[in-house]
Amino acid sequence: MHTLTFDSDDLEQTEAFLSRAYAKMSIGNSSTETSRARISRSAVDFLSIDELDLDFDMSYAVTPLGRICLCVVHEGTIENHAFQGVEDSFGPGDVVSFAPPELPYAGRICSARYNITMLDPALLAEVAVTADAFDAGPVRLTGHRPVSPAAAQQLRDTIFYVRDHILMVPAAASEPLIVSTAAQHLAASVLTTFPNTAHGDATASDRNDAHPLMLRRALAYIDDHADQPVTVADIAASAHVTVRALQYAFRRHMDTTPLAHLRRVRLSLAHHDLVHADPGGGATVTEIAARWGFWNAGRFASHYRQTYGLSPHRTLRDA
């Protein structure tokens, strides 16, 4: 986990910091009264979530970030934001994707407080599949505005939950399974929120590949790697099929999804650890749940109770 903070009223220092934190950019301030910028960041290698508070009007011109850059506006406005034929302005409550990772963009911040979330574009491919099979390009967002207000709200909630309960909690951010699960959840939320090139319908070739032997290879991979960060793309590669074929096989033969099955396997392993734990030795439900990638304590307890008929705390107490 990485954290950093910045607080300055020097415009040159702010420009230098923003260039280091994002991509090379030039900024300007039309006001002579103040140039105060406050920025905080919480991050892991492939994901960062920043809070920015600028009490002045700032123009910006940014070189390509190479990452998906999402913005949630809290207060103020972002005006004349432009990239490759698109120009838009954003206000409080708006959730947007600033620009495709390979494109520069420019605009103007007007005394705004806002959130910037950046993630590796490869994360999208871990939870989705493109129209073609192995020769497909990366999954891409094709629009910068959400498909609906409900989708925007869901993404906003996901960003803030990952920020507050994962990245800003050292115990959670240090657990690889928790970070991997949270990142995939965020990537799935991004795909649900914005128009994109991902496709979920299986082709004839995918359906032909979705046979029991392939499924057994996938199940064996999940069992052998449940203690490691695993994506649906990893599981598909282990079975030598496309993600679409893998998803189709799990739906057809097991009425579930690969990641849902992975969660069940990890839940079973968490149950095993709870049963064999020594509560007198300091074992806790939170620590065991985190070990197996469950970063939402309430959701873990709910799934556990539905599966085993009692709470995880009761299991640990009776161990």
Protein backbone atom coordinates (compact mmCIF):
# COMPACT_ATOMS: atom_id res chain seq x y z
CA MET A 1 0.00 0.00 0.00
CA HIS A 2 1.18 3.51 -0.80
CA THR A 3 -0.08 6.77 0.68
CA LEU A 4 0.89 10.36 0.06
CA THR A 5 -0.37 13.84 0.83
CA PHE A 6 0.27 17.23 -0.70
CA ASP A 7 -0.68 20.69 0.55
CA SER A 8 0.71 23.80 -1.12
CA ASP A 9 -0.21 27.26 -2.34
CA ASP A 10 2.67 27.36 -4.81
CA LEU A 11 1.40 26.78 -8.36
CA GLU A 12 4.74 25.53 -9.66
CA GLN A 13 4.98 22.98 -6.87
CA THR A 14 1.41 21.87 -7.57
CA GLU A 15 2.17 21.43 -11.28
CA ALA A 16 5.28 19.39 -10.47
CA PHE A 17 3.38 17.21 -8.01
CA LEU A 18 0.48 16.59 -10.40
CA SER A 19 2.91 15.69 -13.17
CA ARG A 20 4.55 13.11 -10.93
CA ALA A 21 1.29 11.73 -9.56
CA TYR A 22 -0.62 11.48 -12.85
CA ALA A 23 1.11 12.35 -16.12
CA LYS A 24 3.05 15.30 -17.47
CA MET A 25 0.76 18.31 -17.47
CA SER A 26 0.73 22.07 -17.57
CA ILE A 27 -1.63 24.06 -15.36
CA GLY A 28 -2.55 27.69 -15.02
CA ASN A 29 -4.42 29.90 -12.53
CA SER A 30 -6.43 32.92 -13.62
CA SER A 31 -6.89 34.08 -10.01
CA THR A 32 -4.20 36.00 -8.17
CA GLU A 33 -5.77 35.54 -4.73
CA THR A 34 -4.95 31.91 -3.95
CA SER A 35 -3.50 28.72 -5.41
CA ARG A 36 -4.09 26.32 -2.50
CA ALA A 37 -4.15 22.64 -3.46
CA ARG A 38 -4.72 19.75 -1.05
CA ILE A 39 -4.31 16.19 -2.35
CA SER A 40 -4.27 12.81 -0.63
CA ARG A 41 -3.71 9.40 -2.21
CA SER A 42 -4.18 5.79 -1.18
CA ALA A 43 -2.90 3.22 -3.65
CA VAL A 44 -1.69 -0.25 -4.51
CA ASP A 45 0.35 -1.04 -7.63
CA PHE A 46 -2.57 -1.21 -10.08
CA LEU A 47 -5.12 1.06 -8.38
CA SER A 48 -5.08 4.51 -6.79
CA ILE A 49 -7.83 6.63 -5.25
CA ASP A 50 -7.17 10.33 -4.67
CA GLU A 51 -9.07 13.17 -3.05
CA LEU A 52 -8.29 16.64 -4.42
CA ASP A 53 -9.40 20.02 -3.09
CA LEU A 54 -8.49 23.09 -5.16
CA ASP A 55 -9.71 26.48 -3.93
CA PHE A 56 -8.79 28.23 -7.18
CA ASP A 57 -9.64 27.97 -10.89
CA MET A 58 -7.08 25.82 -12.69
CA SER A 59 -6.71 25.04 -16.38
CA TYR A 60 -5.05 21.72 -17.23
CA ALA A 61 -3.59 19.93 -20.24
CA VAL A 62 -2.58 16.32 -19.57
CA THR A 63 -0.57 13.83 -21.63
CA PRO A 64 -2.02 10.28 -21.89
CA LEU A 65 -2.23 8.59 -18.49
CA GLY A 66 -2.08 5.00 -19.70
CA ARG A 67 -4.73 4.23 -17.10
CA ILE A 68 -8.48 4.46 -16.80
CA CYS A 69 -9.14 7.72 -14.95
CA LEU A 70 -12.49 8.14 -13.23
CA CYS A 71 -13.70 11.37 -11.64
CA VAL A 72 -16.38 11.92 -9.00
CA VAL A 73 -17.16 15.60 -8.42
CA HIS A 74 -18.05 16.56 -4.84
CA GLU A 75 -18.17 20.36 -5.08
CA GLY A 76 -17.47 22.98 -7.74
CA THR A 77 -17.29 22.27 -11.45
CA ILE A 78 -14.99 20.90 -14.13
CA GLU A 79 -15.60 22.81 -17.34
CA ASN A 80 -14.68 22.49 -21.01
CA HIS A 81 -13.17 19.05 -20.47
CA ALA A 82 -12.14 17.86 -23.92
CA PHE A 83 -10.53 14.89 -25.65
CA GLN A 84 -10.63 13.73 -29.29
CA GLY A 85 -13.87 15.31 -30.43
CA VAL A 86 -15.60 15.22 -27.03
CA GLU A 87 -16.24 18.27 -24.86
CA ASP A 88 -18.27 18.20 -21.64
CA SER A 89 -18.62 19.85 -18.24
CA PHE A 90 -19.24 18.17 -14.90
CA GLY A 91 -20.77 19.26 -11.61
CA PRO A 92 -21.46 17.94 -8.11
CA GLY A 93 -22.52 14.29 -8.13
CA ASP A 94 -21.26 13.54 -11.64
CA VAL A 95 -19.26 10.34 -12.22
CA VAL A 96 -17.26 10.31 -15.46
CA SER A 97 -14.36 8.66 -17.25
CA PHE A 98 -11.93 11.43 -18.18
CA ALA A 99 -10.56 9.95 -21.41
CA PRO A 100 -9.35 6.69 -22.99
CA PRO A 101 -5.97 5.73 -21.48
CA GLU A 102 -4.07 6.49 -24.70
CA LEU A 103 -5.48 9.99 -25.29
CA PRO A 104 -4.50 13.42 -23.90
CA TYR A 105 -7.17 15.70 -22.48
CA ALA A 106 -7.61 19.27 -21.27
CA GLY A 107 -10.10 21.40 -19.38
CA ARG A 108 -10.63 23.65 -16.40
CA ILE A 109 -11.16 22.97 -12.68
CA CYS A 110 -13.28 25.67 -11.03
CA SER A 111 -12.70 25.71 -7.26
CA ALA A 112 -13.58 22.04 -7.04
CA ARG A 113 -13.33 19.20 -4.58
CA TYR A 114 -13.30 15.88 -6.38
CA ASN A 115 -12.16 12.27 -6.42
CA ILE A 116 -9.82 10.72 -8.99
CA THR A 117 -9.66 6.93 -9.27
CA MET A 118 -7.11 5.40 -11.62
CA LEU A 119 -6.86 1.73 -12.47
CA ASP A 120 -4.86 -0.44 -14.82
CA PRO A 121 -6.90 -1.10 -18.00
CA ALA A 122 -5.86 -4.76 -17.78
CA LEU A 123 -8.20 -5.11 -14.79
CA LEU A 124 -11.17 -4.87 -17.15
CA ALA A 125 -9.97 -7.94 -19.05
CA GLU A 126 -9.87 -9.88 -15.78
CA VAL A 127 -13.63 -9.62 -15.37
CA ALA A 128 -14.87 -9.48 -18.97
CA VAL A 129 -14.20 -10.66 -22.51
CA THR A 130 -14.09 -8.90 -25.86
CA ALA A 131 -16.02 -9.79 -28.98
CA ASP A 132 -13.28 -12.01 -30.45
CA ALA A 133 -11.44 -14.79 -28.70
CA PHE A 134 -7.69 -14.89 -28.07
CA ASP A 135 -6.89 -12.33 -30.76
CA ALA A 136 -9.14 -9.68 -29.23
CA GLY A 137 -7.79 -6.33 -28.16
CA PRO A 138 -8.20 -4.97 -24.65
CA VAL A 139 -11.62 -4.28 -23.21
CA ARG A 140 -12.32 -0.60 -23.79
CA LEU A 141 -14.80 1.95 -22.50
CA THR A 142 -16.71 3.50 -25.41
CA GLY A 143 -18.41 6.32 -23.52
CA HIS A 144 -17.39 8.73 -20.77
CA ARG A 145 -20.83 9.12 -19.13
CA PRO A 146 -22.60 6.39 -17.09
CA VAL A 147 -25.38 4.38 -18.71
CA SER A 148 -27.79 5.35 -15.90
CA PRO A 149 -27.96 7.29 -12.61
CA ALA A 150 -28.29 4.01 -10.72
CA ALA A 151 -25.10 2.66 -12.31
CA ALA A 152 -23.30 5.90 -11.44
CA GLN A 153 -24.38 5.65 -7.82
CA GLN A 154 -23.29 2.03 -7.60
CA LEU A 155 -19.83 2.89 -8.93
CA ARG A 156 -19.57 5.89 -6.61
CA ASP A 157 -20.40 3.67 -3.62
CA THR A 158 -17.88 1.05 -4.74
CA ILE A 159 -15.08 3.60 -5.10
CA PHE A 160 -15.68 5.00 -1.64
CA TYR A 161 -15.96 1.56 -0.05
CA VAL A 162 -12.67 0.41 -1.62
CA ARG A 163 -11.03 3.66 -0.50
CA ASP A 164 -12.31 3.65 3.08
CA HIS A 165 -12.32 -0.08 3.87
CA ILE A 166 -9.45 -1.43 1.77
CA LEU A 167 -6.84 1.11 0.72
CA MET A 168 -7.01 3.18 3.91
CA VAL A 169 -6.91 0.15 6.22
CA PRO A 170 -3.36 -1.26 6.34
CA ALA A 171 -4.50 -4.68 7.59
CA ALA A 172 -6.85 -5.04 4.60
CA ALA A 173 -4.53 -3.47 2.03
CA SER A 174 -1.77 -5.91 3.00
CA GLU A 175 -3.90 -8.98 2.18
CA PRO A 176 -3.36 -9.94 -1.50
CA LEU A 177 -6.67 -11.79 -1.81
CA ILE A 178 -8.62 -8.84 -0.41
CA VAL A 179 -6.92 -6.36 -2.74
CA SER A 180 -7.39 -8.63 -5.76
CA THR A 181 -11.06 -9.24 -4.98
CA ALA A 182 -11.74 -5.55 -4.37
CA ALA A 183 -9.98 -4.53 -7.60
CA GLN A 184 -12.01 -7.02 -9.61
CA HIS A 185 -15.18 -5.78 -7.96
CA LEU A 186 -14.30 -2.22 -8.88
CA ALA A 187 -13.45 -3.20 -12.47
CA ALA A 188 -16.78 -5.02 -12.80
CA SER A 189 -18.54 -1.90 -11.50
CA VAL A 190 -16.76 0.21 -14.13
CA LEU A 191 -17.98 -2.13 -16.89
CA THR A 192 -21.51 -2.02 -15.49
CA THR A 193 -21.41 1.79 -15.39
CA PHE A 194 -19.92 2.80 -18.76
CA PRO A 195 -20.58 1.62 -22.33
CA ASN A 196 -17.79 -0.77 -23.35
CA THR A 197 -16.63 -3.40 -25.81
CA ALA A 198 -17.12 -6.40 -23.52
CA HIS A 199 -19.45 -9.12 -24.75
CA GLY A 200 -20.90 -11.98 -22.74
CA ASP A 201 -22.71 -14.14 -25.32
CA ALA A 202 -20.97 -17.45 -26.06
CA THR A 203 -20.17 -18.29 -29.68
CA ALA A 204 -20.64 -21.74 -31.25
CA SER A 205 -16.94 -22.40 -30.67
CA ASP A 206 -17.26 -21.39 -27.02
CA ARG A 207 -20.21 -23.73 -26.53
CA ASN A 208 -18.28 -26.57 -28.16
CA ASP A 209 -15.36 -25.96 -25.77
CA ALA A 210 -17.62 -25.96 -22.69
CA HIS A 211 -17.34 -29.69 -22.06
CA PRO A 212 -16.94 -31.51 -18.70
CA LEU A 213 -13.22 -32.22 -19.15
CA MET A 214 -12.52 -28.51 -19.57
CA LEU A 215 -14.65 -27.77 -16.52
CA ARG A 216 -12.68 -30.29 -14.45
CA ARG A 217 -9.43 -28.54 -15.41
CA ALA A 218 -10.91 -25.22 -14.32
CA LEU A 219 -12.17 -26.63 -11.02
CA ALA A 220 -8.79 -28.20 -10.29
CA TYR A 221 -7.05 -24.87 -10.96
CA ILE A 222 -9.42 -23.09 -8.56
CA ASP A 223 -8.82 -25.68 -5.84
CA ASP A 224 -5.04 -25.46 -6.28
CA HIS A 225 -4.89 -21.64 -6.36
CA ALA A 226 -7.64 -20.52 -3.99
CA ASP A 227 -5.01 -19.09 -1.64
CA GLN A 228 -3.66 -16.82 -4.39
CA PRO A 229 -5.05 -13.83 -6.31
CA VAL A 230 -7.05 -15.43 -9.13
CA THR A 231 -8.98 -13.84 -12.00
CA VAL A 232 -11.49 -15.33 -14.37
CA ALA A 233 -8.90 -14.84 -17.12
CA ASP A 234 -6.42 -16.96 -15.15
CA ILE A 235 -8.97 -19.76 -14.79
CA ALA A 236 -9.82 -19.66 -18.51
CA ALA A 237 -6.13 -19.80 -19.46
CA SER A 238 -5.62 -22.83 -17.23
CA ALA A 239 -8.45 -24.63 -19.05
CA HIS A 240 -7.19 -23.49 -22.51
CA VAL A 241 -10.47 -21.78 -23.45
CA THR A 242 -11.86 -18.28 -23.77
CA VAL A 243 -13.39 -16.50 -20.80
CA ARG A 244 -16.74 -16.74 -22.55
CA ALA A 245 -16.47 -20.52 -22.93
CA LEU A 246 -15.49 -20.82 -19.27
CA GLN A 247 -18.45 -18.73 -18.12
CA TYR A 248 -20.80 -20.69 -20.37
CA ALA A 249 -19.53 -24.01 -18.97
CA PHE A 250 -20.05 -22.94 -15.38
CA ARG A 251 -23.55 -21.68 -16.14
CA ARG A 252 -24.48 -24.81 -18.11
CA HIS A 253 -23.03 -27.48 -15.83
CA MET A 254 -23.03 -25.85 -12.38
CA ASP A 255 -25.55 -22.98 -12.59
CA THR A 256 -22.99 -20.52 -11.25
CA THR A 257 -20.02 -18.41 -12.37
CA PRO A 258 -16.29 -19.11 -12.05
CA LEU A 259 -15.75 -16.36 -9.48
CA ALA A 260 -18.84 -17.36 -7.50
CA HIS A 261 -17.44 -20.89 -7.30
CA LEU A 262 -14.07 -19.49 -6.24
CA ARG A 263 -15.81 -17.62 -3.43
CA ARG A 264 -17.51 -20.84 -2.30
CA VAL A 265 -14.16 -22.65 -2.22
CA ARG A 266 -12.62 -19.83 -0.19
CA LEU A 267 -15.63 -19.79 2.13
CA SER A 268 -15.10 -23.51 2.74
CA LEU A 269 -11.43 -22.90 3.52
CA ALA A 270 -12.37 -20.08 5.89
CA HIS A 271 -14.84 -22.44 7.58
CA HIS A 272 -12.08 -25.02 7.97
CA ASP A 273 -9.82 -22.43 9.61
CA LEU A 274 -12.58 -21.26 11.95
CA VAL A 275 -13.35 -24.83 13.03
CA HIS A 276 -9.69 -25.56 13.76
CA ALA A 277 -8.73 -22.17 15.18
CA ASP A 278 -7.74 -21.49 18.76
CA PRO A 279 -9.80 -18.53 19.97
CA GLY A 280 -7.64 -18.41 23.09
CA GLY A 281 -4.62 -17.91 20.86
CA GLY A 282 -5.96 -14.68 19.41
CA ALA A 283 -7.64 -15.97 16.24
CA THR A 284 -10.45 -13.70 15.04
CA VAL A 285 -13.21 -13.96 12.45
CA THR A 286 -11.99 -10.78 10.77
CA GLU A 287 -8.44 -12.09 10.39
CA ILE A 288 -9.55 -15.46 9.00
CA ALA A 289 -12.07 -13.88 6.63
CA ALA A 290 -9.39 -11.48 5.35
CA ARG A 291 -6.97 -14.37 4.83
CA TRP A 292 -9.41 -15.82 2.29
CA GLY A 293 -10.24 -12.56 0.53
CA PHE A 294 -13.49 -11.56 2.26
CA TRP A 295 -13.18 -7.80 2.72
CA ASN A 296 -16.80 -7.08 3.67
CA ALA A 297 -17.35 -8.52 7.15
CA GLY A 298 -21.15 -8.27 6.97
CA ARG A 299 -21.33 -10.01 3.59
CA PHE A 300 -18.95 -12.73 4.79
CA ALA A 301 -21.10 -13.37 7.86
CA SER A 302 -24.25 -13.51 5.72
CA HIS A 303 -22.80 -15.99 3.21
CA TYR A 304 -21.34 -18.06 6.03
CA ARG A 305 -24.64 -18.24 7.89
CA GLN A 306 -26.53 -19.21 4.73
CA THR A 307 -24.04 -22.00 4.00
CA TYR A 308 -23.34 -23.40 7.47
CA GLY A 309 -26.42 -22.45 9.45
CA LEU A 310 -24.62 -20.49 12.16
CA SER A 311 -22.48 -17.38 12.45
CA PRO A 312 -18.71 -17.47 11.97
CA HIS A 313 -18.30 -16.08 15.50
CA ARG A 314 -20.26 -19.04 16.86
CA THR A 315 -18.05 -21.46 14.91
CA LEU A 316 -14.91 -19.83 16.29
CA ARG A 317 -16.28 -19.78 19.81
CA ASP A 318 -17.11 -23.50 19.65
CA ALA A 319 -13.79 -24.42 18.03
